Amino acid sequence: MLVFGRSNPNRKMYPIVFGLVSNEETFDFLHFFESIKSLCRFFNINFEVRFLMQDAQAACAAAAKQSFPNVIVLMCWFHLKQCVKKHLDVKKCKQFKQMIENDITQMHYTMSLENFEMVKGEALARWSLYQDLNDFGIYFNSQWLQSQWTNWKL
C-alpha cells in the first residue's frame, strides 16, 4: 500500500492519495507517481515534490527520481529503526541493543552535520570495542551511512 501526502511545518501528515501496488517494480511506482501528476494537471493543481519520504525500496526511489527530477528522497526514520531492530535481534547483539539504539537516535536528532559527524564517530568507535558488533557495524555503515539511504539523519 502506498500513501502519498503532504506534511505541514508541525510535521502532521495529510494523506492525499492511496494506492495498491501488486508488484514493487520501478514501472509500478512510476505509474503511481505519473497518475498523481496527471490528476493534478487535470484539476489545475500546482504540484511540486521537493522531498519524498519512503522505506529503503530502490525501485520506488528510482521511479521518484524519474517522475520528480529534483526530488530529495528521504529515508523513513521508522523504517530505518525497524531494519536496525531486526539486525539487533541476533543473539550476539542483544546485550548491546539499548546502547546502539541510543547511539542511532542521538545521530538522528543532531542539529548540524558537524555534530552528526562527531556523534557518528563516537558511536562507531564505541561499537568497534566489541567484537560481537563487527558484523552490525559493517551492516550499519554500508546500509545507512554509505548507501543511497543516508538521508535519515538530519
N, C-alpha and C. Protein backbone atom coordinates (compact mmCIF):
# COMPACT_ATOMS: atom_id res chain seq x y z
N MET A 1 0.84 -1.17 0.00
CA MET A 1 0.00 0.00 0.00
C MET A 1 0.89 1.23 0.00
N LEU A 2 0.55 2.17 -0.82
CA LEU A 2 1.28 3.43 -0.92
C LEU A 2 0.39 4.55 -0.40
N VAL A 3 0.97 5.46 0.33
CA VAL A 3 0.26 6.65 0.79
C VAL A 3 1.07 7.84 0.33
N PHE A 4 0.43 8.71 -0.42
CA PHE A 4 1.08 9.92 -0.90
C PHE A 4 0.37 11.08 -0.22
N GLY A 5 1.13 11.91 0.45
CA GLY A 5 0.51 13.02 1.17
C GLY A 5 1.46 14.18 1.30
N ARG A 6 1.07 15.11 2.10
CA ARG A 6 1.92 16.25 2.37
C ARG A 6 1.94 16.48 3.87
N SER A 7 2.96 17.17 4.31
CA SER A 7 3.05 17.47 5.73
C SER A 7 3.14 18.98 5.92
N ASN A 8 2.78 19.41 7.13
CA ASN A 8 2.88 20.83 7.43
C ASN A 8 4.12 21.08 8.29
N PRO A 9 4.41 22.34 8.62
CA PRO A 9 5.60 22.63 9.43
C PRO A 9 5.59 21.96 10.80
N ASN A 10 4.42 21.56 11.28
CA ASN A 10 4.33 20.87 12.57
C ASN A 10 4.49 19.36 12.42
N ARG A 11 4.87 18.92 11.22
CA ARG A 11 5.12 17.51 10.91
C ARG A 11 3.86 16.65 10.94
N LYS A 12 2.71 17.27 10.73
CA LYS A 12 1.47 16.50 10.63
C LYS A 12 1.31 16.08 9.18
N MET A 13 1.04 14.81 8.97
CA MET A 13 0.92 14.25 7.62
C MET A 13 -0.54 14.23 7.20
N TYR A 14 -0.81 14.69 5.99
CA TYR A 14 -2.15 14.70 5.42
C TYR A 14 -2.16 13.80 4.18
N PRO A 15 -2.74 12.62 4.28
CA PRO A 15 -2.81 11.72 3.11
C PRO A 15 -3.65 12.35 2.00
N ILE A 16 -3.18 12.20 0.78
CA ILE A 16 -3.90 12.73 -0.38
C ILE A 16 -4.34 11.60 -1.30
N VAL A 17 -3.44 10.67 -1.56
CA VAL A 17 -3.73 9.57 -2.49
C VAL A 17 -3.26 8.26 -1.86
N PHE A 18 -4.09 7.25 -1.99
CA PHE A 18 -3.71 5.90 -1.56
C PHE A 18 -3.62 5.03 -2.81
N GLY A 19 -2.69 4.11 -2.80
CA GLY A 19 -2.54 3.21 -3.95
C GLY A 19 -2.13 1.83 -3.51
N LEU A 20 -2.56 0.85 -4.26
CA LEU A 20 -2.15 -0.53 -4.05
C LEU A 20 -1.26 -0.94 -5.21
N VAL A 21 -0.13 -1.51 -4.88
CA VAL A 21 0.82 -1.93 -5.91
C VAL A 21 1.00 -3.44 -5.78
N SER A 22 0.70 -4.15 -6.88
CA SER A 22 0.82 -5.61 -6.83
C SER A 22 2.28 -6.06 -6.95
N ASN A 23 3.05 -5.33 -7.70
CA ASN A 23 4.49 -5.61 -7.84
C ASN A 23 5.24 -4.38 -7.36
N GLU A 24 6.39 -4.58 -6.83
CA GLU A 24 7.19 -3.44 -6.38
C GLU A 24 8.33 -3.19 -7.35
N GLU A 25 7.96 -2.96 -8.60
CA GLU A 25 8.93 -2.68 -9.65
C GLU A 25 8.90 -1.19 -9.97
N THR A 26 9.96 -0.69 -10.55
CA THR A 26 10.03 0.73 -10.89
C THR A 26 8.83 1.15 -11.73
N PHE A 27 8.44 0.32 -12.69
CA PHE A 27 7.31 0.64 -13.55
C PHE A 27 6.04 0.90 -12.73
N ASP A 28 5.79 0.08 -11.73
CA ASP A 28 4.58 0.22 -10.91
C ASP A 28 4.58 1.53 -10.14
N PHE A 29 5.72 1.86 -9.54
CA PHE A 29 5.81 3.12 -8.80
C PHE A 29 5.75 4.31 -9.75
N LEU A 30 6.36 4.18 -10.90
CA LEU A 30 6.33 5.24 -11.90
C LEU A 30 4.89 5.52 -12.33
N HIS A 31 4.13 4.46 -12.55
CA HIS A 31 2.71 4.62 -12.92
C HIS A 31 1.95 5.35 -11.81
N PHE A 32 2.21 5.01 -10.56
CA PHE A 32 1.57 5.67 -9.42
C PHE A 32 1.89 7.16 -9.41
N PHE A 33 3.18 7.50 -9.51
CA PHE A 33 3.58 8.91 -9.46
C PHE A 33 3.06 9.69 -10.67
N GLU A 34 3.15 9.10 -11.85
CA GLU A 34 2.67 9.79 -13.05
C GLU A 34 1.16 9.99 -13.02
N SER A 35 0.44 9.06 -12.42
CA SER A 35 -1.02 9.20 -12.28
C SER A 35 -1.36 10.38 -11.38
N ILE A 36 -0.60 10.55 -10.31
CA ILE A 36 -0.81 11.70 -9.43
C ILE A 36 -0.56 12.99 -10.19
N LYS A 37 0.52 13.04 -10.94
CA LYS A 37 0.83 14.23 -11.73
C LYS A 37 -0.27 14.52 -12.74
N SER A 38 -0.79 13.47 -13.36
CA SER A 38 -1.87 13.62 -14.34
C SER A 38 -3.13 14.19 -13.68
N LEU A 39 -3.48 13.67 -12.53
CA LEU A 39 -4.64 14.19 -11.80
C LEU A 39 -4.46 15.66 -11.43
N CYS A 40 -3.27 16.02 -11.02
CA CYS A 40 -3.01 17.42 -10.68
C CYS A 40 -3.15 18.32 -11.90
N ARG A 41 -2.66 17.87 -13.03
CA ARG A 41 -2.83 18.67 -14.26
C ARG A 41 -4.31 18.80 -14.61
N PHE A 42 -5.05 17.71 -14.49
CA PHE A 42 -6.48 17.71 -14.82
C PHE A 42 -7.25 18.71 -13.95
N PHE A 43 -6.92 18.76 -12.67
CA PHE A 43 -7.61 19.64 -11.75
C PHE A 43 -6.91 20.99 -11.58
N ASN A 44 -5.92 21.25 -12.43
CA ASN A 44 -5.18 22.51 -12.43
C ASN A 44 -4.58 22.82 -11.05
N ILE A 45 -3.95 21.80 -10.47
CA ILE A 45 -3.30 21.94 -9.17
C ILE A 45 -1.80 22.11 -9.39
N ASN A 46 -1.26 23.18 -8.85
CA ASN A 46 0.18 23.41 -8.91
C ASN A 46 0.85 22.39 -8.00
N PHE A 47 1.63 21.51 -8.57
CA PHE A 47 2.15 20.36 -7.83
C PHE A 47 3.66 20.28 -7.99
N GLU A 48 4.36 20.34 -6.87
CA GLU A 48 5.81 20.22 -6.89
C GLU A 48 6.23 19.32 -5.73
N VAL A 49 7.05 18.34 -6.01
CA VAL A 49 7.56 17.45 -4.97
C VAL A 49 9.04 17.77 -4.78
N ARG A 50 9.36 18.26 -3.59
CA ARG A 50 10.76 18.56 -3.27
C ARG A 50 11.39 17.45 -2.45
N PHE A 51 10.59 16.84 -1.58
CA PHE A 51 11.07 15.76 -0.72
C PHE A 51 10.08 14.61 -0.79
N LEU A 52 10.60 13.39 -0.75
CA LEU A 52 9.75 12.21 -0.73
C LEU A 52 10.32 11.25 0.30
N MET A 53 9.52 10.92 1.29
CA MET A 53 9.99 10.01 2.34
C MET A 53 9.47 8.61 2.05
N GLN A 54 10.35 7.63 2.20
CA GLN A 54 9.98 6.25 1.89
C GLN A 54 10.86 5.29 2.66
N ASP A 55 10.55 4.00 2.52
CA ASP A 55 11.43 2.98 3.09
C ASP A 55 12.56 2.73 2.08
N ALA A 56 13.44 1.82 2.40
CA ALA A 56 14.61 1.55 1.54
C ALA A 56 14.21 0.65 0.38
N GLN A 57 13.45 1.19 -0.53
CA GLN A 57 12.93 0.46 -1.68
C GLN A 57 13.53 1.10 -2.93
N ALA A 58 14.51 0.45 -3.53
CA ALA A 58 15.25 1.03 -4.65
C ALA A 58 14.37 1.33 -5.85
N ALA A 59 13.41 0.47 -6.15
CA ALA A 59 12.53 0.69 -7.31
C ALA A 59 11.69 1.95 -7.12
N CYS A 60 11.21 2.17 -5.91
CA CYS A 60 10.41 3.36 -5.62
C CYS A 60 11.27 4.62 -5.74
N ALA A 61 12.48 4.57 -5.21
CA ALA A 61 13.38 5.72 -5.29
C ALA A 61 13.72 6.04 -6.75
N ALA A 62 13.96 5.03 -7.55
CA ALA A 62 14.26 5.24 -8.97
C ALA A 62 13.08 5.89 -9.68
N ALA A 63 11.88 5.41 -9.39
CA ALA A 63 10.68 5.98 -10.02
C ALA A 63 10.47 7.42 -9.56
N ALA A 64 10.69 7.68 -8.28
CA ALA A 64 10.52 9.04 -7.76
C ALA A 64 11.47 10.00 -8.46
N LYS A 65 12.72 9.59 -8.62
CA LYS A 65 13.71 10.46 -9.27
C LYS A 65 13.40 10.66 -10.75
N GLN A 66 12.76 9.67 -11.35
CA GLN A 66 12.38 9.80 -12.76
C GLN A 66 11.17 10.71 -12.90
N SER A 67 10.19 10.59 -12.01
CA SER A 67 8.98 11.41 -12.08
C SER A 67 9.21 12.83 -11.59
N PHE A 68 10.05 12.97 -10.58
CA PHE A 68 10.31 14.27 -9.96
C PHE A 68 11.82 14.50 -9.95
N PRO A 69 12.39 14.99 -11.05
CA PRO A 69 13.84 15.02 -11.23
C PRO A 69 14.63 15.71 -10.11
N ASN A 70 14.07 16.69 -9.45
CA ASN A 70 14.80 17.41 -8.41
C ASN A 70 14.48 16.95 -7.00
N VAL A 71 13.77 15.84 -6.88
CA VAL A 71 13.34 15.36 -5.57
C VAL A 71 14.53 14.89 -4.73
N ILE A 72 14.42 15.11 -3.44
CA ILE A 72 15.37 14.55 -2.48
C ILE A 72 14.63 13.42 -1.78
N VAL A 73 15.12 12.21 -1.94
CA VAL A 73 14.48 11.04 -1.33
C VAL A 73 15.01 10.90 0.09
N LEU A 74 14.09 10.93 1.04
CA LEU A 74 14.43 10.79 2.45
C LEU A 74 14.10 9.39 2.93
N MET A 75 14.92 8.87 3.79
CA MET A 75 14.67 7.56 4.37
C MET A 75 13.78 7.73 5.59
N CYS A 76 12.72 6.95 5.65
CA CYS A 76 11.79 7.00 6.77
C CYS A 76 12.47 6.51 8.06
N TRP A 77 12.43 7.33 9.09
CA TRP A 77 13.07 7.02 10.36
C TRP A 77 12.48 5.76 10.98
N PHE A 78 11.16 5.62 10.92
CA PHE A 78 10.50 4.42 11.47
C PHE A 78 11.02 3.16 10.79
N HIS A 79 11.11 3.19 9.45
CA HIS A 79 11.57 2.00 8.73
C HIS A 79 13.05 1.71 9.00
N LEU A 80 13.85 2.75 9.14
CA LEU A 80 15.25 2.53 9.49
C LEU A 80 15.34 1.82 10.84
N LYS A 81 14.57 2.30 11.82
CA LYS A 81 14.61 1.68 13.15
C LYS A 81 14.15 0.22 13.09
N GLN A 82 13.16 -0.07 12.26
CA GLN A 82 12.69 -1.46 12.12
C GLN A 82 13.79 -2.34 11.53
N CYS A 83 14.48 -1.85 10.52
CA CYS A 83 15.56 -2.63 9.90
C CYS A 83 16.70 -2.86 10.89
N VAL A 84 17.06 -1.82 11.63
CA VAL A 84 18.13 -1.95 12.62
C VAL A 84 17.72 -2.95 13.70
N LYS A 85 16.47 -2.87 14.13
CA LYS A 85 15.99 -3.78 15.18
C LYS A 85 16.14 -5.24 14.76
N LYS A 86 15.84 -5.54 13.51
CA LYS A 86 15.99 -6.91 13.01
C LYS A 86 17.44 -7.38 13.13
N HIS A 87 18.37 -6.49 12.85
CA HIS A 87 19.79 -6.85 12.93
C HIS A 87 20.27 -6.94 14.38
N LEU A 88 19.59 -6.26 15.28
CA LEU A 88 19.99 -6.31 16.69
C LEU A 88 19.39 -7.50 17.42
N ASP A 89 18.42 -8.15 16.82
CA ASP A 89 17.78 -9.29 17.47
C ASP A 89 18.60 -10.58 17.38
N VAL A 90 19.71 -10.54 16.68
CA VAL A 90 20.57 -11.72 16.65
C VAL A 90 21.24 -11.86 18.02
N LYS A 91 21.50 -13.07 18.41
CA LYS A 91 21.95 -13.38 19.77
C LYS A 91 23.13 -12.54 20.24
N LYS A 92 24.15 -12.41 19.40
CA LYS A 92 25.36 -11.74 19.87
C LYS A 92 25.21 -10.22 20.01
N CYS A 93 24.13 -9.64 19.44
CA CYS A 93 23.93 -8.19 19.54
C CYS A 93 22.96 -7.79 20.65
N LYS A 94 22.19 -8.73 21.16
CA LYS A 94 21.11 -8.37 22.09
C LYS A 94 21.58 -7.58 23.29
N GLN A 95 22.74 -7.91 23.84
CA GLN A 95 23.20 -7.20 25.04
C GLN A 95 23.59 -5.75 24.74
N PHE A 96 23.79 -5.42 23.46
CA PHE A 96 24.19 -4.07 23.07
C PHE A 96 23.03 -3.26 22.48
N LYS A 97 21.86 -3.85 22.44
CA LYS A 97 20.71 -3.26 21.76
C LYS A 97 20.41 -1.84 22.24
N GLN A 98 20.31 -1.63 23.53
CA GLN A 98 19.97 -0.31 24.07
C GLN A 98 21.03 0.72 23.72
N MET A 99 22.29 0.36 23.85
CA MET A 99 23.38 1.28 23.53
C MET A 99 23.31 1.70 22.06
N ILE A 100 23.13 0.72 21.17
CA ILE A 100 23.10 1.02 19.74
C ILE A 100 21.88 1.86 19.38
N GLU A 101 20.72 1.50 19.91
CA GLU A 101 19.51 2.29 19.63
C GLU A 101 19.69 3.73 20.12
N ASN A 102 20.28 3.91 21.29
CA ASN A 102 20.54 5.26 21.80
C ASN A 102 21.51 6.02 20.89
N ASP A 103 22.57 5.35 20.46
CA ASP A 103 23.54 5.99 19.57
C ASP A 103 22.89 6.44 18.26
N ILE A 104 22.09 5.57 17.67
CA ILE A 104 21.46 5.89 16.38
C ILE A 104 20.43 7.01 16.56
N THR A 105 19.69 6.97 17.65
CA THR A 105 18.73 8.04 17.93
C THR A 105 19.45 9.36 18.12
N GLN A 106 20.56 9.33 18.83
CA GLN A 106 21.34 10.55 19.03
C GLN A 106 21.86 11.08 17.69
N MET A 107 22.30 10.19 16.80
CA MET A 107 22.73 10.62 15.46
C MET A 107 21.58 11.30 14.73
N HIS A 108 20.40 10.67 14.79
CA HIS A 108 19.24 11.17 14.06
C HIS A 108 18.86 12.58 14.48
N TYR A 109 18.94 12.86 15.76
CA TYR A 109 18.45 14.14 16.27
C TYR A 109 19.53 15.21 16.40
N THR A 110 20.69 15.00 15.81
CA THR A 110 21.70 16.06 15.80
C THR A 110 21.17 17.22 14.97
N MET A 111 21.68 18.41 15.26
CA MET A 111 21.17 19.62 14.62
C MET A 111 22.10 20.18 13.54
N SER A 112 23.24 19.56 13.35
CA SER A 112 24.15 20.03 12.31
C SER A 112 24.96 18.85 11.79
N LEU A 113 25.52 19.03 10.60
CA LEU A 113 26.35 17.98 10.02
C LEU A 113 27.60 17.74 10.87
N GLU A 114 28.19 18.83 11.39
CA GLU A 114 29.37 18.68 12.24
C GLU A 114 29.05 17.85 13.48
N ASN A 115 27.92 18.14 14.11
CA ASN A 115 27.52 17.39 15.30
C ASN A 115 27.22 15.94 14.95
N PHE A 116 26.58 15.72 13.80
CA PHE A 116 26.30 14.35 13.37
C PHE A 116 27.60 13.58 13.20
N GLU A 117 28.58 14.18 12.52
CA GLU A 117 29.86 13.51 12.28
C GLU A 117 30.55 13.16 13.59
N MET A 118 30.46 14.06 14.57
CA MET A 118 31.07 13.79 15.86
C MET A 118 30.37 12.62 16.57
N VAL A 119 29.04 12.67 16.62
CA VAL A 119 28.27 11.61 17.29
C VAL A 119 28.46 10.28 16.57
N LYS A 120 28.46 10.31 15.24
CA LYS A 120 28.69 9.09 14.46
C LYS A 120 30.05 8.50 14.77
N GLY A 121 31.09 9.34 14.79
CA GLY A 121 32.44 8.86 15.08
C GLY A 121 32.54 8.23 16.45
N GLU A 122 31.90 8.86 17.44
CA GLU A 122 31.91 8.30 18.80
C GLU A 122 31.20 6.96 18.84
N ALA A 123 30.05 6.87 18.16
CA ALA A 123 29.28 5.61 18.16
C ALA A 123 30.06 4.50 17.47
N LEU A 124 30.61 4.78 16.30
CA LEU A 124 31.35 3.75 15.58
C LEU A 124 32.58 3.30 16.37
N ALA A 125 33.24 4.24 17.03
CA ALA A 125 34.39 3.88 17.86
C ALA A 125 33.96 3.01 19.04
N ARG A 126 32.83 3.35 19.65
CA ARG A 126 32.32 2.56 20.78
C ARG A 126 31.96 1.16 20.31
N TRP A 127 31.29 1.05 19.17
CA TRP A 127 30.88 -0.27 18.66
C TRP A 127 32.11 -1.12 18.33
N SER A 128 33.17 -0.47 17.86
CA SER A 128 34.36 -1.23 17.45
C SER A 128 35.09 -1.86 18.64
N LEU A 129 34.74 -1.44 19.84
CA LEU A 129 35.35 -2.02 21.04
C LEU A 129 34.85 -3.43 21.32
N TYR A 130 33.74 -3.79 20.70
CA TYR A 130 33.10 -5.09 20.96
C TYR A 130 33.14 -5.95 19.70
N GLN A 131 33.84 -7.05 19.76
CA GLN A 131 33.98 -7.93 18.60
C GLN A 131 32.62 -8.44 18.12
N ASP A 132 31.69 -8.65 19.05
CA ASP A 132 30.36 -9.14 18.67
C ASP A 132 29.59 -8.14 17.81
N LEU A 133 30.03 -6.89 17.76
CA LEU A 133 29.35 -5.87 16.97
C LEU A 133 30.00 -5.62 15.62
N ASN A 134 31.03 -6.38 15.27
CA ASN A 134 31.71 -6.17 13.98
C ASN A 134 30.75 -6.28 12.81
N ASP A 135 29.96 -7.35 12.76
CA ASP A 135 29.02 -7.54 11.65
C ASP A 135 27.98 -6.42 11.62
N PHE A 136 27.48 -6.05 12.80
CA PHE A 136 26.49 -4.97 12.84
C PHE A 136 27.10 -3.66 12.36
N GLY A 137 28.31 -3.35 12.80
CA GLY A 137 28.97 -2.12 12.38
C GLY A 137 29.15 -2.05 10.87
N ILE A 138 29.54 -3.17 10.27
CA ILE A 138 29.70 -3.23 8.81
C ILE A 138 28.34 -3.02 8.14
N TYR A 139 27.31 -3.70 8.65
CA TYR A 139 25.95 -3.54 8.10
C TYR A 139 25.50 -2.09 8.20
N PHE A 140 25.60 -1.49 9.38
CA PHE A 140 25.09 -0.14 9.58
C PHE A 140 25.83 0.86 8.70
N ASN A 141 27.13 0.73 8.65
CA ASN A 141 27.93 1.64 7.83
C ASN A 141 27.58 1.52 6.36
N SER A 142 27.51 0.30 5.85
CA SER A 142 27.24 0.13 4.42
C SER A 142 25.79 0.46 4.05
N GLN A 143 24.85 0.13 4.92
CA GLN A 143 23.43 0.33 4.59
C GLN A 143 22.95 1.75 4.88
N TRP A 144 23.39 2.34 5.99
CA TRP A 144 22.79 3.60 6.44
C TRP A 144 23.73 4.80 6.43
N LEU A 145 25.01 4.56 6.20
CA LEU A 145 25.95 5.69 6.17
C LEU A 145 26.63 5.88 4.82
N GLN A 146 26.71 4.82 4.01
CA GLN A 146 27.44 4.90 2.74
C GLN A 146 26.58 4.61 1.51
N SER A 147 25.31 4.34 1.67
CA SER A 147 24.47 3.96 0.53
C SER A 147 23.57 5.12 0.11
N GLN A 148 22.63 4.83 -0.76
CA GLN A 148 21.67 5.86 -1.17
C GLN A 148 20.66 6.18 -0.06
N TRP A 149 20.70 5.43 1.03
CA TRP A 149 19.72 5.61 2.11
C TRP A 149 20.28 6.42 3.28
N THR A 150 21.09 7.41 2.99
CA THR A 150 21.73 8.18 4.06
C THR A 150 20.90 9.38 4.51
N ASN A 151 19.82 9.70 3.82
CA ASN A 151 19.01 10.87 4.18
C ASN A 151 18.01 10.56 5.27
N TRP A 152 18.48 10.07 6.39
CA TRP A 152 17.63 9.79 7.54
C TRP A 152 18.07 10.58 8.76
N LYS A 153 19.20 11.21 8.67
CA LYS A 153 19.88 11.67 9.87
C LYS A 153 19.68 13.12 10.25
N LEU A 154 19.34 13.99 9.34
CA LEU A 154 19.20 15.40 9.71
C LEU A 154 17.85 15.92 9.32
